[in-house]
Amino acid sequence: MGRSRWFNLLWLLPLGFLVLIIAVAAAKHLRGLGPVQQFLHTYPGTILVPRPARRSGLPAWLGWQHFLNLFLLIFVIRSGIQIIGDHPRLYWTRHSTPGREWFRVQKPVPSDPLWTAKKDSIALPGQVGLPGLRHSIGLARWWHLGTVTLWLLNGVVFYVLLFTTGQWRLVVPTSWDVFPNAASTLIQYLSLDWPTEPAWVNYNSLQQLAYFATVFLAAPLALLTGLGMSPALSTRFRRISKPLSIQVARSLHFLVLVWFLVFITVHVALVFTTNLPRSLNQMYAARGGDGWTGLWIFLVSMAVIIAGWIAATPFTLHHPRVVQRAGYALIGPLQRLFEHLDARPGEYTEKDISPYFWHNGQYPDSPEYQRLHDSNFADYRLRVHGLVDNPVDLDLRQLRDLPHHEQITQHFCIQGWSGVAKWGGVSMRTILDLVKPKPEAKWAVFYSLGDGPDKGRYYDAHPIEQMSHHLTMLAYDMNDQPLPFGHGAPLRLRNEVQLGFKQVKWIQGIEFVADFAQIGGGHGGYNQDHEFFGYHQSL
């Protein structure tokens, strides 16, 4: 992490251990000092909650919530790590410029001018990431968004029960004394003589602050930063997204993940080192005392969790469409709320243009494309056909003779990077007026001169109503220069209410159809056929 000098985070392991040893030694020394002993006596570390809350103990519903929270978080975190691995760089700027990232899990971008964002992705072990394969973000997103939906619903139930049963008094500080008591508890923990009062009746102040921060700060921030990464919301709430761009939201979302990982690690370590049977009885059996009931329930629950952990990746690889359908069933109703939001022209100016705009996609290498490229596309023809009254073949000169359209817009990639560019070309409204689609035409299918990574022509289908959108165009210029090879020369699509993978590059033709079921794999696009993206992937 860092910009000018990179620090490998693996060094945190020995450094953290060294800091911990020093902190333990310092805490033991401090506890022998008179003023510190007086401080510990004045602030013992625990503020007693009202007696009714202490008598009630921890209810059974809290144990179920605890289990469901852990079970769902496993899939949320694993799929989230998989998503990060698809663009393993984090930025505090709107632009995803290599060298300006503050954190990366990848080598510096090589000097190869045709290095792509897809090449930059990393592979994860199958039992760490979900599903673990390199560039499996389509399936990872269905897991992430689907289980996040369930996790949030579980959280809503938790909040309701927390406040209707009075259990909130255990985790919400009601006195400023919580801070000196938390400092007292920290000294006790570091001196290895930590408080062992049962949480059955009261949390100590450090526990209370940690639980409060996790439940009422980290969890809502996870939701807000997750929404902040949505291009749909970014284009709708511009006053917020201008200073807090998608890249800032992505970085903050990652830091929330770090908090959860640290919290889980410390929480589990302290449970296992502080009277384990009693702690498990409280958390899993809703009872006090030192019996073994809680341990047996805990072991059963862990067996379920481990089974789910182990089965998730092979199940995903064997039944990807099931994962996709389940994910869409969970997140689809919410996603459809944002499908018809559109970007506004004039949002960006030339000063907003990104200094670096990532290449992406499989470069065309066919003899046909090579001949066109070598002749500077003198023989290029764009074929527009299908369910239209006036099919046409247009060369680049004819395209440039059509009314010119220009826009500066932000590109959003499903991998997580973004960039602003100026596009020049012809509006799809002009193309519609020229070819006159028939009433039965419902989709415009764009075909590429290039193949996809698994071979077979790259294509993507777009709803015909989006073709008349004021920011849908065929671009032959980028930043006032002819469209370069790496960005789709000679012609590429810009549909600003769709994510980047749907912006077909190296366009060969456009076909207007009533349905796309018989095209390619029948799912609406090459990435939808091969990488399980959804054809409804609007901003």
Protein backbone atom coordinates (compact mmCIF):
# COMPACT_ATOMS: atom_id res chain seq x y z
CA MET A 1 0.00 0.00 0.00
CA GLY A 2 1.08 3.62 -0.54
CA ARG A 3 1.83 5.67 -3.63
CA SER A 4 5.48 6.60 -3.89
CA ARG A 5 6.87 3.92 -1.58
CA TRP A 6 5.11 0.58 -1.54
CA PHE A 7 4.78 -1.29 1.74
CA ASN A 8 4.08 -5.00 1.61
CA LEU A 9 1.31 -5.79 4.06
CA LEU A 10 2.83 -9.18 4.87
CA TRP A 11 5.32 -7.21 6.97
CA LEU A 12 2.40 -6.40 9.27
CA LEU A 13 2.53 -9.96 10.63
CA PRO A 14 5.99 -9.74 12.29
CA LEU A 15 5.56 -6.02 13.00
CA GLY A 16 2.15 -6.59 14.58
CA PHE A 17 3.53 -9.38 16.75
CA LEU A 18 6.40 -7.12 17.85
CA VAL A 19 4.02 -4.25 18.66
CA LEU A 20 1.81 -6.64 20.65
CA ILE A 21 4.75 -7.87 22.73
CA ILE A 22 5.79 -4.28 23.47
CA ALA A 23 2.19 -3.34 24.34
CA VAL A 24 1.89 -6.30 26.75
CA ALA A 25 5.14 -5.35 28.47
CA ALA A 26 4.05 -1.70 28.73
CA ALA A 27 0.61 -2.64 30.12
CA LYS A 28 2.13 -4.90 32.76
CA HIS A 29 4.44 -2.06 33.81
CA LEU A 30 1.58 0.46 33.91
CA ARG A 31 -0.54 -1.75 36.16
CA GLY A 32 2.16 -1.52 38.81
CA LEU A 33 1.97 2.28 38.95
CA GLY A 34 -0.12 3.89 41.70
CA PRO A 35 -2.05 6.37 39.51
CA VAL A 36 -2.91 3.60 37.04
CA GLN A 37 -4.11 1.33 39.85
CA GLN A 38 -6.31 4.18 41.09
CA PHE A 39 -7.62 4.69 37.54
CA LEU A 40 -8.46 0.99 37.24
CA HIS A 41 -10.23 1.12 40.61
CA THR A 42 -12.27 4.20 39.61
CA TYR A 43 -13.05 2.79 36.19
CA PRO A 44 -13.13 -1.03 36.53
CA GLY A 45 -14.09 -1.49 32.88
CA THR A 46 -17.78 -2.30 33.10
CA ILE A 47 -20.81 -0.04 33.45
CA LEU A 48 -23.79 -1.96 34.76
CA VAL A 49 -26.91 -1.76 32.64
CA PRO A 50 -30.35 -1.52 34.34
CA ARG A 51 -31.20 -4.57 36.43
CA PRO A 52 -34.09 -5.87 34.23
CA ALA A 53 -31.73 -6.17 31.24
CA ARG A 54 -29.17 -7.99 33.38
CA ARG A 55 -31.74 -10.45 34.70
CA SER A 56 -32.98 -11.37 31.24
CA GLY A 57 -29.60 -12.56 29.93
CA LEU A 58 -29.04 -13.22 26.23
CA PRO A 59 -32.22 -14.39 24.44
CA ALA A 60 -32.44 -17.40 22.12
CA TRP A 61 -33.17 -15.23 19.06
CA LEU A 62 -29.75 -13.64 19.48
CA GLY A 63 -28.10 -17.05 19.09
CA TRP A 64 -29.96 -17.67 15.84
CA GLN A 65 -29.07 -14.21 14.62
CA HIS A 66 -25.43 -14.84 15.54
CA PHE A 67 -25.39 -18.07 13.51
CA LEU A 68 -27.13 -16.61 10.46
CA ASN A 69 -24.89 -13.55 10.51
CA LEU A 70 -21.75 -15.70 10.53
CA PHE A 71 -23.08 -18.11 7.90
CA LEU A 72 -24.01 -15.33 5.46
CA LEU A 73 -20.88 -13.27 6.11
CA ILE A 74 -18.71 -16.18 4.97
CA PHE A 75 -20.20 -16.00 1.47
CA VAL A 76 -20.35 -12.19 1.48
CA ILE A 77 -16.65 -11.92 2.36
CA ARG A 78 -15.43 -14.68 0.06
CA SER A 79 -17.33 -13.35 -2.96
CA GLY A 80 -16.30 -9.79 -2.04
CA ILE A 81 -12.63 -10.80 -2.08
CA GLN A 82 -13.23 -12.45 -5.47
CA ILE A 83 -14.67 -9.18 -6.80
CA ILE A 84 -11.68 -7.20 -5.51
CA GLY A 85 -9.40 -9.70 -7.27
CA ASP A 86 -10.92 -8.80 -10.64
CA HIS A 87 -9.47 -5.30 -10.37
CA PRO A 88 -7.04 -5.59 -7.44
CA ARG A 89 -6.32 -1.86 -7.14
CA LEU A 90 -7.97 0.78 -4.96
CA TYR A 91 -7.98 4.54 -5.53
CA TRP A 92 -9.01 7.73 -3.76
CA THR A 93 -9.55 9.46 -7.13
CA ARG A 94 -12.35 9.23 -9.66
CA HIS A 95 -9.87 7.95 -12.23
CA SER A 96 -8.38 4.46 -12.09
CA THR A 97 -4.88 5.50 -13.11
CA PRO A 98 -2.09 2.95 -12.52
CA GLY A 99 0.51 4.28 -10.12
CA ARG A 100 -2.04 6.41 -8.30
CA GLU A 101 -3.67 3.54 -6.43
CA TRP A 102 -3.16 3.55 -2.65
CA PHE A 103 -3.53 -0.23 -2.37
CA ARG A 104 -2.93 -3.08 -4.79
CA VAL A 105 -2.78 -6.87 -4.70
CA GLN A 106 -0.93 -7.03 -7.99
CA LYS A 107 2.38 -6.01 -9.55
CA PRO A 108 2.72 -2.58 -11.16
CA VAL A 109 1.11 -2.32 -14.59
CA PRO A 110 3.71 -3.43 -17.17
CA SER A 111 4.88 -1.18 -19.98
CA ASP A 112 2.89 -3.22 -22.52
CA PRO A 113 0.56 -0.65 -24.15
CA LEU A 114 -2.03 -3.36 -24.77
CA TRP A 115 -2.21 -4.52 -21.15
CA THR A 116 -5.90 -4.98 -20.33
CA ALA A 117 -7.91 -4.79 -17.13
CA LYS A 118 -8.83 -8.43 -17.61
CA LYS A 119 -5.15 -9.43 -17.75
CA ASP A 120 -4.66 -7.46 -14.54
CA SER A 121 -7.09 -9.64 -12.56
CA ILE A 122 -5.70 -12.24 -10.14
CA ALA A 123 -6.61 -15.83 -9.34
CA LEU A 124 -7.61 -16.92 -5.85
CA PRO A 125 -7.64 -20.40 -4.30
CA GLY A 126 -11.01 -22.08 -4.74
CA GLN A 127 -11.64 -22.22 -0.99
CA VAL A 128 -10.73 -18.56 -0.44
CA GLY A 129 -12.44 -16.68 -3.25
CA LEU A 130 -15.92 -17.64 -4.37
CA PRO A 131 -15.77 -19.33 -6.82
CA GLY A 132 -12.00 -18.73 -6.98
CA LEU A 133 -11.41 -18.93 -10.74
CA ARG A 134 -9.62 -16.00 -12.35
CA HIS A 135 -12.10 -13.47 -13.72
CA SER A 136 -15.22 -15.21 -12.43
CA ILE A 137 -16.76 -11.91 -11.34
CA GLY A 138 -20.12 -12.74 -12.92
CA LEU A 139 -20.74 -15.60 -10.52
CA ALA A 140 -19.04 -13.78 -7.63
CA ARG A 141 -21.46 -10.86 -8.05
CA TRP A 142 -24.51 -13.13 -7.92
CA TRP A 143 -23.18 -14.67 -4.71
CA HIS A 144 -22.26 -11.29 -3.24
CA LEU A 145 -25.43 -9.37 -4.08
CA GLY A 146 -27.70 -12.30 -3.25
CA THR A 147 -26.20 -13.11 0.15
CA VAL A 148 -25.86 -9.41 0.99
CA THR A 149 -29.62 -9.10 0.44
CA LEU A 150 -30.23 -11.93 2.93
CA TRP A 151 -27.65 -10.48 5.33
CA LEU A 152 -29.41 -7.10 5.27
CA LEU A 153 -32.79 -8.71 5.87
CA ASN A 154 -31.30 -10.57 8.81
CA GLY A 155 -29.94 -7.25 10.04
CA VAL A 156 -33.35 -5.60 9.87
CA VAL A 157 -34.82 -8.42 11.97
CA PHE A 158 -31.92 -8.01 14.40
CA TYR A 159 -32.50 -4.26 14.78
CA VAL A 160 -36.23 -4.74 15.36
CA LEU A 161 -35.71 -7.41 18.02
CA LEU A 162 -32.85 -5.52 19.62
CA PHE A 163 -34.97 -2.45 20.33
CA THR A 164 -38.30 -4.17 21.03
CA THR A 165 -36.78 -6.49 23.65
CA GLY A 166 -34.60 -3.90 25.40
CA GLN A 167 -31.38 -5.73 24.50
CA TRP A 168 -30.07 -2.52 22.93
CA ARG A 169 -28.97 -1.40 26.42
CA LEU A 170 -26.19 -3.99 26.29
CA VAL A 171 -24.57 -2.58 23.13
CA VAL A 172 -25.48 1.12 23.08
CA PRO A 173 -23.36 3.31 25.41
CA THR A 174 -25.48 5.67 27.51
CA SER A 175 -22.69 7.39 29.45
CA TRP A 176 -19.42 9.14 28.55
CA ASP A 177 -17.82 6.95 31.22
CA VAL A 178 -17.72 4.22 28.61
CA PHE A 179 -14.48 5.69 27.21
CA PRO A 180 -12.33 5.67 30.37
CA ASN A 181 -13.79 2.27 31.24
CA ALA A 182 -12.85 1.04 27.76
CA ALA A 183 -9.29 2.33 28.29
CA SER A 184 -9.23 0.49 31.61
CA THR A 185 -10.40 -2.72 29.90
CA LEU A 186 -7.75 -2.35 27.21
CA ILE A 187 -5.00 -2.10 29.84
CA GLN A 188 -6.40 -5.21 31.53
CA TYR A 189 -6.47 -7.15 28.27
CA LEU A 190 -2.95 -6.13 27.26
CA SER A 191 -1.58 -7.01 30.69
CA LEU A 192 -2.99 -10.53 30.12
CA ASP A 193 -5.15 -10.20 33.23
CA TRP A 194 -8.37 -9.44 31.48
CA PRO A 195 -11.90 -9.07 32.83
CA THR A 196 -13.94 -12.25 32.88
CA GLU A 197 -17.34 -10.96 33.97
CA PRO A 198 -19.98 -12.96 32.08
CA ALA A 199 -21.52 -11.14 29.12
CA TRP A 200 -24.70 -12.91 30.20
CA VAL A 201 -25.36 -9.97 32.47
CA ASN A 202 -23.16 -7.19 31.06
CA TYR A 203 -20.56 -6.42 28.40
CA ASN A 204 -17.44 -4.56 29.49
CA SER A 205 -17.01 -1.12 27.95
CA LEU A 206 -14.48 -2.20 25.32
CA GLN A 207 -16.82 -4.96 24.18
CA GLN A 208 -19.71 -2.51 24.16
CA LEU A 209 -17.84 -0.01 21.98
CA ALA A 210 -16.68 -2.77 19.62
CA TYR A 211 -20.19 -4.19 19.25
CA PHE A 212 -21.70 -0.72 18.87
CA ALA A 213 -19.17 0.21 16.17
CA THR A 214 -19.82 -3.06 14.31
CA VAL A 215 -23.61 -3.05 14.54
CA PHE A 216 -24.39 0.66 14.18
CA LEU A 217 -21.39 2.03 12.24
CA ALA A 218 -19.62 -0.68 10.22
CA ALA A 219 -22.73 -2.54 9.05
CA PRO A 220 -24.59 0.59 7.84
CA LEU A 221 -21.35 1.87 6.28
CA ALA A 222 -21.02 -1.44 4.42
CA LEU A 223 -24.49 -0.84 2.97
CA LEU A 224 -23.88 2.83 2.12
CA THR A 225 -20.49 2.26 0.49
CA GLY A 226 -21.93 -0.71 -1.40
CA LEU A 227 -24.67 1.54 -2.76
CA GLY A 228 -22.01 4.16 -3.47
CA MET A 229 -20.39 1.74 -5.94
CA SER A 230 -23.60 1.59 -7.98
CA PRO A 231 -23.27 3.66 -11.17
CA ALA A 232 -27.07 4.06 -11.16
CA LEU A 233 -27.03 5.81 -7.80
CA SER A 234 -23.83 7.63 -8.67
CA THR A 235 -25.47 9.20 -11.72
CA ARG A 236 -28.62 10.00 -9.75
CA PHE A 237 -27.14 11.56 -6.61
CA ARG A 238 -24.47 13.71 -8.22
CA ARG A 239 -23.97 16.07 -5.28
CA ILE A 240 -22.77 13.08 -3.27
CA SER A 241 -20.97 11.19 -6.02
CA LYS A 242 -18.93 14.19 -7.15
CA PRO A 243 -16.75 14.29 -4.00
CA LEU A 244 -17.40 10.66 -3.04
CA SER A 245 -16.85 8.88 -6.33
CA ILE A 246 -17.30 5.19 -7.01
CA GLN A 247 -13.58 4.62 -6.46
CA VAL A 248 -13.72 6.33 -3.05
CA ALA A 249 -16.75 4.19 -2.15
CA ARG A 250 -14.86 1.09 -3.27
CA SER A 251 -11.90 1.97 -1.05
CA LEU A 252 -14.14 2.67 1.95
CA HIS A 253 -16.03 -0.59 1.32
CA PHE A 254 -12.70 -2.43 1.44
CA LEU A 255 -11.79 -0.76 4.75
CA VAL A 256 -15.14 -1.90 6.19
CA LEU A 257 -14.19 -5.43 5.12
CA VAL A 258 -10.89 -5.03 6.99
CA TRP A 259 -12.80 -3.94 10.12
CA PHE A 260 -15.04 -7.03 9.95
CA LEU A 261 -12.05 -9.34 9.48
CA VAL A 262 -10.20 -7.79 12.43
CA PHE A 263 -13.34 -7.87 14.59
CA ILE A 264 -14.04 -11.53 13.78
CA THR A 265 -10.42 -12.51 14.50
CA VAL A 266 -10.24 -10.72 17.85
CA HIS A 267 -13.76 -11.74 18.86
CA VAL A 268 -13.18 -15.44 18.18
CA ALA A 269 -9.75 -15.38 19.85
CA LEU A 270 -11.15 -13.88 23.05
CA VAL A 271 -14.13 -16.25 23.12
CA PHE A 272 -11.80 -19.24 22.88
CA THR A 273 -9.43 -17.92 25.57
CA THR A 274 -12.03 -16.69 28.09
CA ASN A 275 -13.94 -19.59 29.63
CA LEU A 276 -15.02 -21.19 26.35
CA PRO A 277 -17.89 -23.38 27.72
CA ARG A 278 -19.53 -20.44 29.50
CA SER A 279 -19.16 -18.15 26.45
CA LEU A 280 -20.66 -20.75 24.12
CA ASN A 281 -23.52 -21.40 26.52
CA GLN A 282 -24.37 -17.71 26.48
CA MET A 283 -24.04 -17.30 22.69
CA TYR A 284 -25.56 -20.56 21.45
CA ALA A 285 -27.71 -22.05 24.25
CA ALA A 286 -29.17 -18.81 25.71
CA ARG A 287 -28.20 -19.86 29.24
CA GLY A 288 -25.59 -19.01 31.83
CA GLY A 289 -23.31 -21.41 33.64
CA ASP A 290 -20.46 -23.67 32.58
CA GLY A 291 -22.32 -26.62 31.05
CA TRP A 292 -21.55 -28.17 27.66
CA THR A 293 -24.85 -27.59 25.87
CA GLY A 294 -23.55 -24.49 24.12
CA LEU A 295 -20.46 -26.33 22.93
CA TRP A 296 -22.52 -29.08 21.26
CA ILE A 297 -24.79 -26.55 19.55
CA PHE A 298 -21.69 -24.63 18.47
CA LEU A 299 -20.10 -27.74 16.98
CA VAL A 300 -23.26 -28.57 15.03
CA SER A 301 -23.49 -25.01 13.72
CA MET A 302 -19.83 -25.04 12.72
CA ALA A 303 -20.36 -28.32 10.88
CA VAL A 304 -23.12 -26.60 8.86
CA ILE A 305 -20.91 -23.58 8.21
CA ILE A 306 -17.91 -25.67 7.17
CA ALA A 307 -20.07 -27.80 4.89
CA GLY A 308 -21.45 -24.66 3.26
CA TRP A 309 -17.94 -23.22 2.90
CA ILE A 310 -16.57 -26.37 1.25
CA ALA A 311 -19.58 -26.96 -1.00
CA ALA A 312 -19.97 -23.39 -2.30
CA THR A 313 -17.20 -23.41 -4.92
CA PRO A 314 -17.80 -26.86 -6.47
CA PHE A 315 -21.56 -26.26 -6.47
CA THR A 316 -21.01 -22.94 -8.26
CA LEU A 317 -18.75 -24.48 -10.89
CA HIS A 318 -21.14 -27.37 -11.55
CA HIS A 319 -24.38 -25.34 -11.44
CA PRO A 320 -23.51 -21.77 -12.51
CA ARG A 321 -26.94 -21.03 -13.98
CA VAL A 322 -28.59 -22.05 -10.72
CA VAL A 323 -26.37 -19.58 -8.86
CA GLN A 324 -27.19 -16.91 -11.42
CA ARG A 325 -30.95 -17.49 -11.22
CA ALA A 326 -30.91 -17.59 -7.41
CA GLY A 327 -28.84 -14.41 -7.25
CA TYR A 328 -31.13 -12.60 -9.66
CA ALA A 329 -34.22 -13.78 -7.77
CA LEU A 330 -32.81 -12.17 -4.61
CA ILE A 331 -31.41 -8.93 -6.04
CA GLY A 332 -33.49 -8.58 -9.22
CA PRO A 333 -36.48 -6.75 -7.70
CA LEU A 334 -34.15 -4.06 -6.31
CA GLN A 335 -32.01 -3.92 -9.44
CA ARG A 336 -35.05 -3.29 -11.62
CA LEU A 337 -35.69 -0.06 -9.71
CA PHE A 338 -32.52 1.39 -11.28
CA GLU A 339 -32.71 0.00 -14.80
CA HIS A 340 -34.29 3.05 -16.37
CA LEU A 341 -32.15 5.76 -14.80
CA ASP A 342 -30.15 7.65 -17.38
CA ALA A 343 -27.07 9.82 -17.41
CA ARG A 344 -27.38 13.49 -18.24
CA PRO A 345 -25.36 15.24 -20.93
CA GLY A 346 -22.96 17.94 -19.81
CA GLU A 347 -22.14 16.35 -16.47
CA TYR A 348 -18.42 16.23 -17.28
CA THR A 349 -16.08 18.68 -19.02
CA GLU A 350 -12.73 18.18 -20.75
CA LYS A 351 -10.88 18.81 -17.49
CA ASP A 352 -12.56 15.65 -16.11
CA ILE A 353 -11.11 13.38 -18.81
CA SER A 354 -9.10 10.55 -17.25
CA PRO A 355 -5.34 10.54 -17.79
CA TYR A 356 -5.54 6.77 -18.23
CA PHE A 357 -8.39 4.72 -19.65
CA TRP A 358 -7.98 0.97 -19.25
CA HIS A 359 -8.03 -1.28 -22.29
CA ASN A 360 -10.24 -4.31 -21.95
CA GLY A 361 -11.61 -7.18 -23.97
CA GLN A 362 -10.11 -9.77 -26.31
CA TYR A 363 -8.24 -8.01 -29.11
CA PRO A 364 -9.32 -9.09 -32.62
CA ASP A 365 -6.65 -11.11 -34.42
CA SER A 366 -8.50 -12.47 -37.44
CA PRO A 367 -7.05 -12.06 -40.95
CA GLU A 368 -10.17 -10.03 -41.85
CA TYR A 369 -9.56 -7.50 -39.11
CA GLN A 370 -5.82 -7.37 -39.82
CA ARG A 371 -6.50 -6.49 -43.49
CA LEU A 372 -8.93 -3.75 -42.46
CA HIS A 373 -6.48 -2.36 -39.91
CA ASP A 374 -3.56 -2.37 -42.36
CA SER A 375 -5.63 -0.44 -44.93
CA ASN A 376 -6.67 2.12 -42.30
CA PHE A 377 -10.19 0.68 -42.59
CA ALA A 378 -10.62 1.89 -46.18
CA ASP A 379 -12.69 -1.22 -46.95
CA TYR A 380 -14.63 -1.24 -43.68
CA ARG A 381 -18.40 -1.49 -43.91
CA LEU A 382 -20.90 -1.33 -41.07
CA ARG A 383 -23.83 -3.55 -41.91
CA VAL A 384 -27.14 -2.60 -40.26
CA HIS A 385 -29.83 -5.16 -41.03
CA GLY A 386 -32.51 -7.41 -39.59
CA LEU A 387 -36.03 -6.20 -38.83
CA VAL A 388 -35.60 -2.84 -40.54
CA ASP A 389 -37.23 -1.21 -43.56
CA ASN A 390 -33.96 0.13 -44.96
CA PRO A 391 -30.90 -2.08 -44.37
CA VAL A 392 -27.62 -0.29 -45.09
CA ASP A 393 -23.88 -0.85 -45.44
CA LEU A 394 -21.95 2.26 -44.36
CA ASP A 395 -18.24 2.95 -44.73
CA LEU A 396 -16.35 5.25 -42.37
CA ARG A 397 -16.65 8.25 -44.69
CA GLN A 398 -20.42 7.83 -44.86
CA LEU A 399 -20.57 7.47 -41.08
CA ARG A 400 -18.54 10.65 -40.64
CA ASP A 401 -20.83 12.46 -43.08
CA LEU A 402 -23.82 11.78 -40.85
CA PRO A 403 -24.68 14.42 -38.18
CA HIS A 404 -21.86 14.48 -35.64
CA HIS A 405 -22.56 13.64 -32.00
CA GLU A 406 -20.19 14.29 -29.10
CA GLN A 407 -20.32 13.56 -25.35
CA ILE A 408 -18.05 13.35 -22.31
CA THR A 409 -19.17 10.51 -20.08
CA GLN A 410 -17.92 8.16 -17.39
CA HIS A 411 -17.28 4.52 -18.20
CA PHE A 412 -18.12 1.95 -15.51
CA CYS A 413 -16.60 -1.50 -15.77
CA ILE A 414 -18.14 -4.49 -14.01
CA GLN A 415 -14.63 -5.25 -12.70
CA GLY A 416 -14.67 -2.06 -10.62
CA TRP A 417 -12.52 0.45 -12.52
CA SER A 418 -13.89 3.62 -14.09
CA GLY A 419 -12.77 6.43 -16.36
CA VAL A 420 -14.01 9.55 -18.13
CA ALA A 421 -13.52 10.05 -21.88
CA LYS A 422 -14.76 12.24 -24.72
CA TRP A 423 -16.50 10.33 -27.48
CA GLY A 424 -17.27 11.54 -30.99
CA GLY A 425 -19.38 9.77 -33.60
CA VAL A 426 -22.95 9.33 -34.69
CA SER A 427 -26.00 9.10 -32.46
CA MET A 428 -27.97 5.87 -32.61
CA ARG A 429 -31.04 8.07 -33.08
CA THR A 430 -29.60 8.98 -36.47
CA ILE A 431 -29.07 5.31 -37.31
CA LEU A 432 -32.67 4.51 -36.28
CA ASP A 433 -33.97 7.30 -38.52
CA LEU A 434 -31.88 5.91 -41.38
CA VAL A 435 -32.83 2.21 -41.18
CA LYS A 436 -36.35 2.51 -39.68
CA PRO A 437 -36.71 -0.58 -37.42
CA LYS A 438 -39.95 -2.53 -37.77
CA PRO A 439 -42.45 -2.55 -34.86
CA GLU A 440 -41.56 -6.16 -34.01
CA ALA A 441 -37.87 -5.27 -33.49
CA LYS A 442 -37.26 -5.38 -29.71
CA TRP A 443 -33.48 -5.75 -29.52
CA ALA A 444 -30.43 -4.33 -31.27
CA VAL A 445 -27.62 -6.90 -31.42
CA PHE A 446 -24.10 -5.57 -31.91
CA TYR A 447 -21.53 -7.93 -33.43
CA SER A 448 -17.78 -7.51 -33.05
CA LEU A 449 -14.96 -8.23 -35.49
CA GLY A 450 -13.22 -9.88 -32.52
CA ASP A 451 -13.84 -13.16 -30.77
CA GLY A 452 -14.40 -13.63 -27.07
CA PRO A 453 -11.80 -15.31 -24.82
CA ASP A 454 -13.44 -18.73 -25.33
CA LYS A 455 -13.66 -18.21 -29.11
CA GLY A 456 -16.81 -17.43 -30.97
CA ARG A 457 -17.86 -13.96 -32.11
CA TYR A 458 -18.37 -11.39 -29.40
CA TYR A 459 -21.83 -9.83 -29.42
CA ASP A 460 -24.29 -8.12 -27.10
CA ALA A 461 -28.01 -7.34 -27.21
CA HIS A 462 -29.50 -4.02 -26.10
CA PRO A 463 -33.18 -3.09 -25.66
CA ILE A 464 -34.32 -1.09 -28.65
CA GLU A 465 -35.78 1.64 -26.44
CA GLN A 466 -32.23 2.42 -25.25
CA MET A 467 -31.14 3.01 -28.85
CA SER A 468 -33.08 6.28 -28.94
CA HIS A 469 -31.46 7.44 -25.69
CA HIS A 470 -29.73 10.80 -26.04
CA LEU A 471 -26.39 9.34 -24.92
CA THR A 472 -26.37 6.16 -27.03
CA MET A 473 -23.97 6.45 -29.95
CA LEU A 474 -21.49 4.77 -32.27
CA ALA A 475 -18.09 6.31 -31.51
CA TYR A 476 -15.31 6.61 -34.09
CA ASP A 477 -13.34 9.24 -32.13
CA MET A 478 -11.98 9.21 -28.59
CA ASN A 479 -10.63 12.35 -26.93
CA ASP A 480 -10.62 14.18 -30.30
CA GLN A 481 -8.53 11.49 -32.00
CA PRO A 482 -9.58 8.57 -34.22
CA LEU A 483 -10.61 5.65 -32.03
CA PRO A 484 -7.42 3.67 -31.23
CA PHE A 485 -7.07 -0.06 -31.76
CA GLY A 486 -7.15 -0.89 -28.05
CA HIS A 487 -10.44 0.92 -27.54
CA GLY A 488 -12.33 -0.58 -30.46
CA ALA A 489 -11.21 0.91 -33.81
CA PRO A 490 -12.85 1.62 -36.09
CA LEU A 491 -16.20 1.78 -34.29
CA ARG A 492 -17.55 1.05 -30.82
CA LEU A 493 -20.81 1.39 -28.95
CA ARG A 494 -21.49 3.84 -26.16
CA ASN A 495 -24.72 3.13 -24.30
CA GLU A 496 -24.34 5.15 -21.12
CA VAL A 497 -27.06 3.36 -19.18
CA GLN A 498 -25.15 0.08 -19.40
CA LEU A 499 -21.95 -1.26 -17.87
CA GLY A 500 -18.70 -1.47 -19.81
CA PHE A 501 -18.83 -5.08 -20.99
CA LYS A 502 -21.93 -4.22 -23.04
CA GLN A 503 -20.11 -1.44 -24.95
CA VAL A 504 -19.18 -3.64 -27.91
CA LYS A 505 -15.89 -2.68 -29.58
CA TRP A 506 -14.57 -3.32 -33.12
CA ILE A 507 -18.18 -3.31 -34.35
CA GLN A 508 -18.84 -5.30 -37.54
CA GLY A 509 -22.60 -5.06 -37.73
CA ILE A 510 -25.91 -4.33 -36.03
CA GLU A 511 -28.93 -6.61 -36.32
CA PHE A 512 -32.42 -5.68 -35.13
CA VAL A 513 -34.28 -8.73 -33.85
CA ALA A 514 -37.47 -9.64 -32.03
CA ASP A 515 -35.65 -11.99 -29.63
CA PHE A 516 -32.07 -13.06 -28.94
CA ALA A 517 -32.81 -16.63 -27.84
CA GLN A 518 -31.29 -18.12 -31.03
CA ILE A 519 -28.20 -15.90 -31.06
CA GLY A 520 -25.00 -17.22 -29.51
CA GLY A 521 -25.84 -19.07 -26.32
CA GLY A 522 -29.23 -17.37 -26.14
CA HIS A 523 -28.55 -15.32 -23.00
CA GLY A 524 -28.23 -11.88 -24.60
CA GLY A 525 -24.47 -11.51 -25.01
CA TYR A 526 -21.10 -13.23 -25.07
CA ASN A 527 -20.32 -12.52 -21.42
CA GLN A 528 -23.81 -13.58 -20.47
CA ASP A 529 -23.26 -16.88 -22.33
CA HIS A 530 -19.77 -17.61 -21.01
CA GLU A 531 -19.28 -15.70 -17.76
CA PHE A 532 -22.86 -15.64 -16.43
CA PHE A 533 -23.36 -11.89 -16.46
CA GLY A 534 -26.98 -10.78 -16.60
CA TYR A 535 -28.30 -9.09 -19.75
CA HIS A 536 -30.07 -6.66 -17.41
CA GLN A 537 -26.86 -4.99 -16.23
CA SER A 538 -27.94 -1.38 -16.40
CA LEU A 539 -26.27 1.33 -14.44
